[in-house]
Amino acid sequence: MKKALLLFSLVFALAMTPESPAMAQCSMCTINAEQGTQNGNTQGKGLNDGVLYLLALPYLMIAGVGIIWYRSYKKKLDSQSVSRL
C-alpha cells in the first residue's frame, strides 16, 4: 500500500509541475488579450492567472476526496486488525 501511495504521489507531483508556463485560453479570450496588450493593457496576464486558478480547483478537490477516502480506508483496516486480536 505504501508503494502505491508513493507511486501515486510521484505521478501527481510530476503531473502538477509544468514544463513551461501554461498559457491556455479559448480563442475569443486569446484575441481579446492580444488586442488589450497591444494597446498597453495588462489584463491579459490576469486572464491567464484566472484560467490557471479555475484549472487547479478541480484537481485540489479530487485530492481532498482522495485523502478523505484514504483516511477512512486506513481506519477501517486498523479497526479490523484490532478486532482480530
N, C-alpha and C. Protein backbone atom coordinates (compact mmCIF):
# COMPACT_ATOMS: atom_id res chain seq x y z
N MET A 1 0.82 -1.19 0.00
CA MET A 1 0.00 0.00 0.00
C MET A 1 0.86 1.25 0.00
N LYS A 2 1.98 1.19 0.73
CA LYS A 2 2.88 2.34 0.79
C LYS A 2 3.51 2.59 -0.57
N LYS A 3 3.81 1.51 -1.29
CA LYS A 3 4.41 1.67 -2.62
C LYS A 3 3.42 2.32 -3.58
N ALA A 4 2.16 1.94 -3.48
CA ALA A 4 1.13 2.52 -4.35
C ALA A 4 0.93 3.99 -4.03
N LEU A 5 0.94 4.34 -2.75
CA LEU A 5 0.80 5.74 -2.35
C LEU A 5 2.00 6.56 -2.81
N LEU A 6 3.19 6.00 -2.69
CA LEU A 6 4.39 6.69 -3.15
C LEU A 6 4.36 6.89 -4.66
N LEU A 7 3.94 5.86 -5.39
CA LEU A 7 3.85 5.96 -6.84
C LEU A 7 2.81 7.00 -7.25
N PHE A 8 1.66 6.99 -6.58
CA PHE A 8 0.62 7.97 -6.88
C PHE A 8 1.11 9.38 -6.59
N SER A 9 1.82 9.56 -5.47
CA SER A 9 2.34 10.88 -5.11
C SER A 9 3.36 11.36 -6.14
N LEU A 10 4.21 10.46 -6.60
CA LEU A 10 5.21 10.82 -7.59
C LEU A 10 4.57 11.22 -8.91
N VAL A 11 3.60 10.44 -9.36
CA VAL A 11 2.91 10.76 -10.62
C VAL A 11 2.15 12.08 -10.48
N PHE A 12 1.51 12.29 -9.35
CA PHE A 12 0.77 13.53 -9.13
C PHE A 12 1.72 14.73 -9.13
N ALA A 13 2.87 14.60 -8.46
CA ALA A 13 3.83 15.70 -8.41
C ALA A 13 4.38 16.01 -9.80
N LEU A 14 4.65 14.99 -10.58
CA LEU A 14 5.15 15.21 -11.94
C LEU A 14 4.09 15.83 -12.84
N ALA A 15 2.85 15.45 -12.62
CA ALA A 15 1.77 16.00 -13.44
C ALA A 15 1.49 17.45 -13.11
N MET A 16 1.74 17.85 -11.87
CA MET A 16 1.43 19.21 -11.45
C MET A 16 2.57 20.19 -11.72
N THR A 17 3.76 19.70 -12.06
CA THR A 17 4.87 20.61 -12.36
C THR A 17 4.91 20.87 -13.85
N PRO A 18 4.66 22.09 -14.26
CA PRO A 18 4.64 22.38 -15.69
C PRO A 18 6.05 22.45 -16.26
N GLU A 19 6.18 22.00 -17.51
CA GLU A 19 7.47 22.09 -18.18
C GLU A 19 7.71 23.51 -18.67
N SER A 20 6.67 24.17 -19.03
CA SER A 20 6.76 25.55 -19.46
C SER A 20 5.54 26.29 -18.92
N PRO A 21 5.60 27.59 -18.86
CA PRO A 21 4.43 28.33 -18.36
C PRO A 21 3.19 28.04 -19.21
N ALA A 22 2.10 27.74 -18.56
CA ALA A 22 0.87 27.42 -19.27
C ALA A 22 0.14 28.70 -19.63
N MET A 23 -0.22 28.82 -20.87
CA MET A 23 -0.96 29.98 -21.35
C MET A 23 -2.20 29.49 -22.11
N ALA A 24 -3.01 28.70 -21.45
CA ALA A 24 -4.17 28.10 -22.08
C ALA A 24 -5.36 29.04 -22.02
N GLN A 25 -5.94 29.31 -23.19
CA GLN A 25 -7.11 30.17 -23.26
C GLN A 25 -7.95 29.73 -24.46
N CYS A 26 -9.22 30.09 -24.42
CA CYS A 26 -10.05 29.86 -25.60
C CYS A 26 -9.68 30.90 -26.65
N SER A 27 -10.12 30.70 -27.86
CA SER A 27 -9.72 31.59 -28.95
C SER A 27 -10.24 33.02 -28.75
N MET A 28 -11.46 33.17 -28.24
CA MET A 28 -12.00 34.51 -28.01
C MET A 28 -11.19 35.25 -26.94
N CYS A 29 -10.84 34.54 -25.87
CA CYS A 29 -10.06 35.17 -24.81
C CYS A 29 -8.67 35.54 -25.32
N THR A 30 -8.08 34.68 -26.15
CA THR A 30 -6.76 34.96 -26.69
C THR A 30 -6.77 36.23 -27.53
N ILE A 31 -7.76 36.36 -28.40
CA ILE A 31 -7.85 37.54 -29.27
C ILE A 31 -8.03 38.81 -28.43
N ASN A 32 -8.90 38.76 -27.44
CA ASN A 32 -9.12 39.93 -26.58
C ASN A 32 -7.87 40.28 -25.79
N ALA A 33 -7.16 39.29 -25.30
CA ALA A 33 -5.95 39.54 -24.52
C ALA A 33 -4.85 40.12 -25.40
N GLU A 34 -4.72 39.61 -26.63
CA GLU A 34 -3.69 40.13 -27.53
C GLU A 34 -3.98 41.57 -27.92
N GLN A 35 -5.22 41.86 -28.20
CA GLN A 35 -5.57 43.23 -28.56
C GLN A 35 -5.39 44.17 -27.38
N GLY A 36 -5.68 43.71 -26.19
CA GLY A 36 -5.51 44.53 -25.00
C GLY A 36 -4.06 44.83 -24.72
N THR A 37 -3.18 43.82 -24.88
CA THR A 37 -1.76 44.07 -24.60
C THR A 37 -1.14 44.96 -25.67
N GLN A 38 -1.64 44.92 -26.88
CA GLN A 38 -1.12 45.82 -27.92
C GLN A 38 -1.47 47.26 -27.60
N ASN A 39 -2.58 47.46 -26.90
CA ASN A 39 -2.99 48.82 -26.54
C ASN A 39 -2.40 49.27 -25.20
N GLY A 40 -1.57 48.45 -24.59
CA GLY A 40 -0.93 48.84 -23.33
C GLY A 40 -1.60 48.31 -22.08
N ASN A 41 -2.65 47.53 -22.20
CA ASN A 41 -3.32 46.97 -21.02
C ASN A 41 -2.57 45.73 -20.53
N THR A 42 -2.67 45.45 -19.25
CA THR A 42 -2.05 44.25 -18.68
C THR A 42 -3.10 43.26 -18.20
N GLN A 43 -4.30 43.35 -18.73
CA GLN A 43 -5.38 42.47 -18.29
C GLN A 43 -5.20 41.05 -18.81
N GLY A 44 -4.45 40.87 -19.86
CA GLY A 44 -4.22 39.53 -20.40
C GLY A 44 -3.51 38.63 -19.42
N LYS A 45 -2.55 39.17 -18.69
CA LYS A 45 -1.84 38.38 -17.69
C LYS A 45 -2.79 37.95 -16.58
N GLY A 46 -3.66 38.83 -16.16
CA GLY A 46 -4.65 38.47 -15.14
C GLY A 46 -5.62 37.42 -15.65
N LEU A 47 -5.92 37.48 -16.93
CA LEU A 47 -6.80 36.49 -17.52
C LEU A 47 -6.15 35.11 -17.51
N ASN A 48 -4.87 35.06 -17.81
CA ASN A 48 -4.14 33.78 -17.74
C ASN A 48 -4.14 33.23 -16.33
N ASP A 49 -3.91 34.10 -15.35
CA ASP A 49 -3.91 33.65 -13.96
C ASP A 49 -5.28 33.11 -13.55
N GLY A 50 -6.34 33.75 -14.02
CA GLY A 50 -7.69 33.29 -13.71
C GLY A 50 -7.98 31.92 -14.30
N VAL A 51 -7.53 31.70 -15.53
CA VAL A 51 -7.74 30.40 -16.18
C VAL A 51 -6.99 29.31 -15.41
N LEU A 52 -5.76 29.59 -15.00
CA LEU A 52 -4.99 28.60 -14.25
C LEU A 52 -5.62 28.32 -12.89
N TYR A 53 -6.18 29.35 -12.26
CA TYR A 53 -6.87 29.17 -10.98
C TYR A 53 -8.07 28.25 -11.15
N LEU A 54 -8.85 28.48 -12.18
CA LEU A 54 -10.02 27.64 -12.43
C LEU A 54 -9.63 26.22 -12.80
N LEU A 55 -8.47 26.06 -13.40
CA LEU A 55 -7.98 24.73 -13.77
C LEU A 55 -7.52 23.96 -12.53
N ALA A 56 -6.91 24.64 -11.57
CA ALA A 56 -6.34 23.96 -10.40
C ALA A 56 -7.40 23.52 -9.40
N LEU A 57 -8.51 24.21 -9.33
CA LEU A 57 -9.52 23.92 -8.32
C LEU A 57 -10.07 22.48 -8.39
N PRO A 58 -10.42 21.95 -9.56
CA PRO A 58 -10.92 20.56 -9.58
C PRO A 58 -9.87 19.55 -9.12
N TYR A 59 -8.60 19.79 -9.45
CA TYR A 59 -7.56 18.87 -9.01
C TYR A 59 -7.41 18.89 -7.49
N LEU A 60 -7.52 20.05 -6.89
CA LEU A 60 -7.45 20.14 -5.43
C LEU A 60 -8.64 19.43 -4.78
N MET A 61 -9.81 19.56 -5.38
CA MET A 61 -10.99 18.88 -4.84
C MET A 61 -10.84 17.36 -4.94
N ILE A 62 -10.33 16.87 -6.05
CA ILE A 62 -10.12 15.43 -6.21
C ILE A 62 -9.10 14.93 -5.21
N ALA A 63 -8.03 15.71 -4.99
CA ALA A 63 -7.03 15.32 -4.00
C ALA A 63 -7.64 15.27 -2.60
N GLY A 64 -8.50 16.22 -2.27
CA GLY A 64 -9.16 16.21 -0.96
C GLY A 64 -10.03 14.99 -0.77
N VAL A 65 -10.78 14.63 -1.79
CA VAL A 65 -11.62 13.43 -1.70
C VAL A 65 -10.75 12.19 -1.56
N GLY A 66 -9.63 12.15 -2.26
CA GLY A 66 -8.72 11.01 -2.16
C GLY A 66 -8.13 10.88 -0.77
N ILE A 67 -7.78 11.99 -0.16
CA ILE A 67 -7.22 11.96 1.19
C ILE A 67 -8.26 11.49 2.19
N ILE A 68 -9.47 11.98 2.07
CA ILE A 68 -10.55 11.55 2.97
C ILE A 68 -10.82 10.06 2.80
N TRP A 69 -10.86 9.61 1.56
CA TRP A 69 -11.09 8.18 1.30
C TRP A 69 -9.98 7.35 1.89
N TYR A 70 -8.73 7.76 1.71
CA TYR A 70 -7.59 7.00 2.22
C TYR A 70 -7.63 6.92 3.74
N ARG A 71 -7.95 8.02 4.41
CA ARG A 71 -8.01 8.01 5.88
C ARG A 71 -9.11 7.09 6.39
N SER A 72 -10.27 7.12 5.75
CA SER A 72 -11.35 6.24 6.19
C SER A 72 -11.02 4.77 5.91
N TYR A 73 -10.34 4.51 4.80
CA TYR A 73 -9.93 3.15 4.47
C TYR A 73 -8.91 2.65 5.49
N LYS A 74 -7.98 3.51 5.87
CA LYS A 74 -6.96 3.13 6.84
C LYS A 74 -7.59 2.88 8.22
N LYS A 75 -8.56 3.70 8.62
CA LYS A 75 -9.26 3.48 9.89
C LYS A 75 -9.98 2.14 9.88
N LYS A 76 -10.59 1.82 8.75
CA LYS A 76 -11.31 0.56 8.63
C LYS A 76 -10.36 -0.62 8.78
N LEU A 77 -9.19 -0.53 8.14
CA LEU A 77 -8.19 -1.61 8.27
C LEU A 77 -7.68 -1.72 9.70
N ASP A 78 -7.43 -0.58 10.35
CA ASP A 78 -6.94 -0.60 11.73
C ASP A 78 -7.97 -1.22 12.67
N SER A 79 -9.25 -0.88 12.48
CA SER A 79 -10.28 -1.43 13.36
C SER A 79 -10.46 -2.92 13.13
N GLN A 80 -10.27 -3.39 11.92
CA GLN A 80 -10.37 -4.82 11.64
C GLN A 80 -9.21 -5.58 12.26
N SER A 81 -8.01 -4.99 12.24
CA SER A 81 -6.87 -5.69 12.81
C SER A 81 -6.95 -5.74 14.34
N VAL A 82 -7.54 -4.72 14.96
CA VAL A 82 -7.71 -4.70 16.42
C VAL A 82 -8.76 -5.73 16.82
N SER A 83 -9.82 -5.86 16.04
CA SER A 83 -10.89 -6.79 16.40
C SER A 83 -10.42 -8.25 16.24
N ARG A 84 -9.42 -8.51 15.43
CA ARG A 84 -8.92 -9.87 15.25
C ARG A 84 -8.08 -10.31 16.45
N LEU A 85 -7.51 -9.35 17.16
CA LEU A 85 -6.67 -9.71 18.31
C LEU A 85 -7.53 -10.13 19.42
